[in-house]
Amino acid sequence: MPDSEKESFKPLFTNPMETYPGLTINDLNRYLPAVQTVNDISMTSDQMKEGLFLATCSDGLIKLPDQSIDLIIAEPPKDPWDGIDDRGGRMTLQEYYEWNGQWLDESYRVLKNTGGLYLLCGWSVSGMYHGLLSNHFMVQTRITWRNKQSKDQSRNPTWKNELGDIWFATKSEDFLFNLRAVNLESDRKELIAESENRSQTNFWIDIPDITDENRRRSDKLLSKILAASSFKLNWVLDPFMRSGDVGVASKRYGSRFIGFETNKDLLLLSMKRMDQEG
């Protein structure tokens, strides 16, 4: 082989035996053959199917029937084009706004009239999401939760952010909110004896830090949401699944779950976690 060809040759993998953190070779052999893509999504309102799918949120949502989902728990990425080779850079602010508007429009379509959407975000984009949600949904409240591991920090030396926002929006005023279940999930057991007309606080200071590198959000945070806005066997959707926190929590709660993820490694990790932790 000429020297010029030797210099230009680059191996496809730097270490073919190195796997994604949290996955082993045995995991790949077990879960890779079971990967489902957007082409495998074929559902009607009478024939829904649980599953984790290798798909963008928009492509996946389009495949779901109208008014088929009871609860959507979503944490949109800050850079939806990350990892997509043919995009060539980050989204502009206008492109990001339009992209969010598109998937929220589809979320409104697939959500049942009694359903709810919980959107997790940082302070820097929270105002944008309030405006977008208000275009179609009825915004019920903004939850503020303790998030000491927040990465939504200012570039300048200023106050460290240790809070996260969760927007709770519904399709109508006739929505599910199971206050007694929320109180039963709470550490403050005395709330159970009080009037059920008393609303649970939207300031969640009791959310523990995450110590497992394969997890992003705590079970306690997700359990609060599931208890408040769903019953067992309800359909729960996470359009940005990442490593499967919502899926694991939903399975433990007894919900039926659909998730979309664009990163195959994270999809495989989600499949493993739901299989072993759920």
Protein backbone atom coordinates (compact mmCIF):
# COMPACT_ATOMS: atom_id res chain seq x y z
CA MET A 1 0.00 0.00 0.00
CA PRO A 2 1.47 3.44 -0.92
CA ASP A 3 2.45 5.74 1.95
CA SER A 4 -0.23 8.26 0.96
CA GLU A 5 -2.94 5.60 1.27
CA LYS A 6 -1.56 4.45 4.64
CA GLU A 7 -1.77 8.01 5.97
CA SER A 8 -5.34 8.52 4.76
CA PHE A 9 -6.65 5.24 6.15
CA LYS A 10 -8.73 5.60 9.32
CA PRO A 11 -10.36 2.68 11.12
CA LEU A 12 -14.13 2.78 11.46
CA PHE A 13 -13.87 2.20 15.22
CA THR A 14 -10.94 3.18 17.43
CA ASN A 15 -11.80 0.32 19.76
CA PRO A 16 -14.36 -2.10 18.29
CA MET A 17 -14.74 -3.92 21.64
CA GLU A 18 -15.49 -0.77 23.63
CA THR A 19 -19.17 -0.40 24.47
CA TYR A 20 -21.29 2.49 25.68
CA PRO A 21 -21.19 3.02 29.49
CA GLY A 22 -23.77 0.76 31.09
CA LEU A 23 -23.79 -1.72 28.20
CA THR A 24 -21.80 -4.93 27.78
CA ILE A 25 -21.14 -7.08 24.73
CA ASN A 26 -23.77 -9.50 26.03
CA ASP A 27 -26.23 -6.60 26.24
CA LEU A 28 -25.58 -5.71 22.61
CA ASN A 29 -26.09 -9.31 21.53
CA ARG A 30 -29.35 -9.44 23.47
CA TYR A 31 -30.96 -6.09 22.65
CA LEU A 32 -29.66 -5.08 19.21
CA PRO A 33 -31.80 -7.67 17.36
CA ALA A 34 -34.89 -6.31 19.16
CA VAL A 35 -34.40 -2.64 18.17
CA GLN A 36 -37.54 -1.13 16.65
CA THR A 37 -37.47 1.88 14.32
CA VAL A 38 -40.08 4.42 13.28
CA ASN A 39 -41.09 2.03 10.48
CA ASP A 40 -42.27 -0.45 13.11
CA ILE A 41 -44.78 2.02 14.57
CA SER A 42 -48.22 0.99 13.34
CA MET A 43 -51.04 1.82 15.72
CA THR A 44 -54.69 2.74 15.78
CA SER A 45 -56.78 4.05 18.65
CA ASP A 46 -58.09 0.50 19.13
CA GLN A 47 -54.72 -1.20 18.70
CA MET A 48 -52.00 0.56 20.64
CA LYS A 49 -48.63 -1.09 21.29
CA GLU A 50 -45.99 -0.47 23.93
CA GLY A 51 -42.45 -0.03 22.70
CA LEU A 52 -39.16 1.85 22.60
CA PHE A 53 -38.40 3.15 19.12
CA LEU A 54 -35.32 4.49 17.35
CA ALA A 55 -36.99 7.63 16.02
CA THR A 56 -37.06 11.39 16.25
CA CYS A 57 -39.85 12.85 18.33
CA SER A 58 -41.54 14.34 15.26
CA ASP A 59 -41.36 11.15 13.18
CA GLY A 60 -42.64 9.08 16.08
CA LEU A 61 -45.47 11.41 17.06
CA ILE A 62 -46.83 11.50 13.51
CA LYS A 63 -47.33 7.72 13.70
CA LEU A 64 -49.51 7.89 16.83
CA PRO A 65 -53.32 8.10 16.60
CA ASP A 66 -55.29 11.17 17.67
CA GLN A 67 -56.16 11.34 21.38
CA SER A 68 -54.31 8.12 22.22
CA ILE A 69 -51.95 9.24 25.03
CA ASP A 70 -52.92 9.95 28.65
CA LEU A 71 -49.69 11.55 29.84
CA ILE A 72 -46.65 13.06 28.12
CA ILE A 73 -43.45 13.63 30.11
CA ALA A 74 -40.89 15.47 27.99
CA GLU A 75 -37.50 17.07 28.48
CA PRO A 76 -36.53 18.52 25.08
CA PRO A 77 -32.81 18.57 24.23
CA LYS A 78 -31.06 21.91 23.93
CA ASP A 79 -29.51 20.85 20.62
CA PRO A 80 -31.83 18.49 18.68
CA TRP A 81 -29.34 18.30 15.79
CA ASP A 82 -26.53 16.96 17.97
CA GLY A 83 -25.24 13.75 16.43
CA ILE A 84 -27.01 14.28 13.09
CA ASP A 85 -24.18 14.45 10.55
CA ASP A 86 -25.93 16.26 7.69
CA ARG A 87 -27.17 19.25 9.71
CA GLY A 88 -23.90 21.13 9.97
CA GLY A 89 -24.03 22.97 13.29
CA ARG A 90 -26.40 24.00 16.03
CA MET A 91 -29.92 25.27 15.50
CA THR A 92 -30.47 29.00 15.50
CA LEU A 93 -32.83 30.34 18.15
CA GLN A 94 -35.54 30.75 15.51
CA GLU A 95 -35.06 27.19 14.24
CA TYR A 96 -35.20 25.90 17.83
CA TYR A 97 -38.42 27.81 18.46
CA GLU A 98 -40.04 26.41 15.30
CA TRP A 99 -38.83 22.87 16.05
CA ASN A 100 -40.38 23.01 19.51
CA GLY A 101 -43.60 24.36 18.06
CA GLN A 102 -43.85 21.42 15.67
CA TRP A 103 -43.49 18.64 18.23
CA LEU A 104 -45.80 20.43 20.66
CA ASP A 105 -48.45 20.70 17.94
CA GLU A 106 -48.24 16.94 17.42
CA SER A 107 -48.28 16.34 21.17
CA TYR A 108 -51.53 18.28 21.42
CA ARG A 109 -53.04 16.10 18.70
CA VAL A 110 -52.14 12.76 20.31
CA LEU A 111 -53.02 13.78 23.88
CA LYS A 112 -56.42 12.75 25.20
CA ASN A 113 -58.83 15.50 26.22
CA THR A 114 -58.35 14.51 29.87
CA GLY A 115 -54.58 14.15 29.51
CA GLY A 116 -51.66 16.22 30.70
CA LEU A 117 -48.19 17.23 29.54
CA TYR A 118 -45.25 17.84 31.88
CA LEU A 119 -42.36 19.67 30.22
CA LEU A 120 -39.04 19.78 32.08
CA CYS A 121 -36.64 22.59 31.23
CA GLY A 122 -34.04 25.00 32.56
CA TRP A 123 -34.61 28.64 33.45
CA SER A 124 -32.99 29.98 30.27
CA VAL A 125 -35.70 28.52 27.99
CA SER A 126 -38.57 28.37 30.48
CA GLY A 127 -40.20 31.58 29.23
CA MET A 128 -40.12 30.33 25.65
CA TYR A 129 -41.90 27.12 26.60
CA HIS A 130 -44.55 29.02 28.54
CA GLY A 131 -45.32 30.99 25.40
CA LEU A 132 -45.33 27.95 23.12
CA LEU A 133 -47.54 25.89 25.42
CA SER A 134 -50.00 28.77 25.74
CA ASN A 135 -50.58 28.70 21.97
CA HIS A 136 -52.62 25.48 22.24
CA PHE A 137 -52.59 24.05 25.74
CA MET A 138 -54.02 25.33 28.98
CA VAL A 139 -51.07 25.99 31.26
CA GLN A 140 -52.09 24.92 34.77
CA THR A 141 -48.94 25.72 36.73
CA ARG A 142 -45.18 25.94 36.74
CA ILE A 143 -43.48 23.57 39.16
CA THR A 144 -40.09 24.57 40.53
CA TRP A 145 -37.94 21.75 41.83
CA ARG A 146 -34.62 21.41 43.61
CA ASN A 147 -31.98 20.45 41.06
CA LYS A 148 -28.50 20.85 42.54
CA GLN A 149 -27.04 19.07 39.51
CA SER A 150 -28.48 21.54 37.01
CA LYS A 151 -26.26 22.20 34.00
CA ASP A 152 -28.27 25.28 33.06
CA GLN A 153 -25.67 27.73 34.36
CA SER A 154 -24.68 31.21 33.26
CA ARG A 155 -21.38 31.60 31.41
CA ASN A 156 -20.55 34.54 33.65
CA PRO A 157 -19.57 34.32 37.34
CA THR A 158 -22.94 34.86 38.99
CA TRP A 159 -25.51 33.01 41.10
CA LYS A 160 -25.36 29.25 40.70
CA ASN A 161 -28.65 27.79 39.51
CA GLU A 162 -29.96 24.88 41.60
CA LEU A 163 -33.56 24.89 40.38
CA GLY A 164 -35.43 23.36 37.46
CA ASP A 165 -38.81 24.18 35.94
CA ILE A 166 -41.64 21.83 35.00
CA TRP A 167 -44.58 23.24 33.05
CA PHE A 168 -47.84 21.36 33.59
CA ALA A 169 -50.27 21.89 30.72
CA THR A 170 -53.53 20.22 29.74
CA LYS A 171 -55.76 19.99 26.70
CA SER A 172 -58.92 21.03 28.55
CA GLU A 173 -60.11 22.00 32.00
CA ASP A 174 -61.52 18.48 32.40
CA PHE A 175 -58.15 16.89 33.19
CA LEU A 176 -56.99 14.16 35.54
CA PHE A 177 -55.35 15.30 38.76
CA ASN A 178 -55.31 12.67 41.48
CA LEU A 179 -54.63 14.77 44.57
CA ARG A 180 -55.05 11.94 47.07
CA ALA A 181 -52.47 9.85 45.23
CA VAL A 182 -50.07 12.80 45.32
CA ASN A 183 -50.53 13.08 49.05
CA LEU A 184 -49.90 9.37 49.52
CA GLU A 185 -46.66 9.75 47.58
CA SER A 186 -45.62 12.68 49.76
CA ASP A 187 -43.32 12.38 52.75
CA ARG A 188 -45.66 14.70 54.63
CA LYS A 189 -48.24 12.09 55.61
CA GLU A 190 -50.30 14.61 57.56
CA LEU A 191 -51.58 15.99 54.26
CA ILE A 192 -53.69 12.86 53.85
CA ALA A 193 -55.88 13.80 56.78
CA GLU A 194 -56.51 17.29 55.43
CA SER A 195 -59.11 18.35 52.92
CA GLU A 196 -58.60 16.88 49.48
CA ASN A 197 -59.42 20.31 48.04
CA ARG A 198 -56.06 21.56 49.22
CA SER A 199 -53.60 21.68 46.33
CA GLN A 200 -50.18 20.12 46.65
CA THR A 201 -47.36 22.67 46.52
CA ASN A 202 -45.63 23.38 43.21
CA PHE A 203 -42.31 23.93 45.00
CA TRP A 204 -40.58 20.55 45.17
CA ILE A 205 -37.63 20.82 47.54
CA ASP A 206 -37.48 17.12 48.39
CA ILE A 207 -36.02 15.79 45.12
CA PRO A 208 -32.81 13.80 45.85
CA ASP A 209 -29.62 14.09 43.83
CA ILE A 210 -28.79 11.47 41.20
CA THR A 211 -25.79 9.25 41.93
CA ASP A 212 -26.23 6.71 39.09
CA GLU A 213 -24.52 7.94 35.90
CA ASN A 214 -27.07 6.06 33.77
CA ARG A 215 -29.96 8.08 35.19
CA ARG A 216 -30.95 11.69 34.56
CA ARG A 217 -34.06 12.23 36.70
CA SER A 218 -34.92 10.75 40.10
CA ASP A 219 -37.69 8.23 40.67
CA LYS A 220 -39.22 10.56 43.25
CA LEU A 221 -39.72 13.37 40.75
CA LEU A 222 -41.24 11.07 38.13
CA SER A 223 -43.37 9.23 40.70
CA LYS A 224 -44.95 12.53 41.75
CA ILE A 225 -45.95 13.23 38.15
CA LEU A 226 -47.23 9.72 37.46
CA ALA A 227 -49.24 9.62 40.69
CA ALA A 228 -50.84 13.00 40.05
CA SER A 229 -51.73 12.67 36.38
CA SER A 230 -52.22 9.02 35.49
CA PHE A 231 -53.79 5.76 36.56
CA LYS A 232 -52.31 2.31 36.15
CA LEU A 233 -52.54 1.02 32.56
CA ASN A 234 -52.69 4.59 31.21
CA TRP A 235 -50.56 5.36 28.16
CA VAL A 236 -47.42 7.37 28.96
CA LEU A 237 -45.20 8.89 26.26
CA ASP A 238 -41.63 10.19 26.48
CA PRO A 239 -40.63 11.70 23.10
CA PHE A 240 -37.01 12.31 24.23
CA MET A 241 -36.24 9.12 26.10
CA ARG A 242 -32.46 9.31 26.61
CA SER A 243 -31.53 6.49 29.05
CA GLY A 244 -35.12 5.57 29.91
CA ASP A 245 -35.86 7.14 33.30
CA VAL A 246 -39.51 7.84 32.45
CA GLY A 247 -39.93 4.36 30.99
CA VAL A 248 -38.55 2.63 34.08
CA ALA A 249 -40.71 4.73 36.40
CA SER A 250 -43.79 4.13 34.23
CA LYS A 251 -43.26 0.37 34.21
CA ARG A 252 -42.89 0.31 38.00
CA TYR A 253 -46.08 2.34 38.33
CA GLY A 254 -48.00 -0.04 36.06
CA SER A 255 -48.40 2.29 33.08
CA ARG A 256 -48.13 1.38 29.42
CA PHE A 257 -45.17 3.17 27.86
CA ILE A 258 -44.04 4.46 24.47
CA GLY A 259 -40.65 6.14 24.04
CA PHE A 260 -38.63 7.68 21.20
CA GLU A 261 -34.85 8.11 21.09
CA THR A 262 -32.46 9.05 18.27
CA ASN A 263 -29.26 7.70 19.85
CA LYS A 264 -29.03 3.93 19.41
CA ASP A 265 -26.71 3.47 22.40
CA LEU A 266 -29.15 5.28 24.68
CA LEU A 267 -32.03 3.30 23.19
CA LEU A 268 -30.24 0.04 24.00
CA LEU A 269 -29.52 1.27 27.52
CA SER A 270 -33.21 2.12 27.92
CA MET A 271 -34.20 -1.34 26.74
CA LYS A 272 -31.81 -2.93 29.24
CA ARG A 273 -32.99 -0.76 32.13
CA MET A 274 -36.67 -1.38 31.48
CA ASP A 275 -35.96 -5.09 31.24
CA GLN A 276 -33.94 -5.26 34.45
CA GLU A 277 -35.12 -2.34 36.62
CA GLY A 278 -38.76 -1.91 35.71
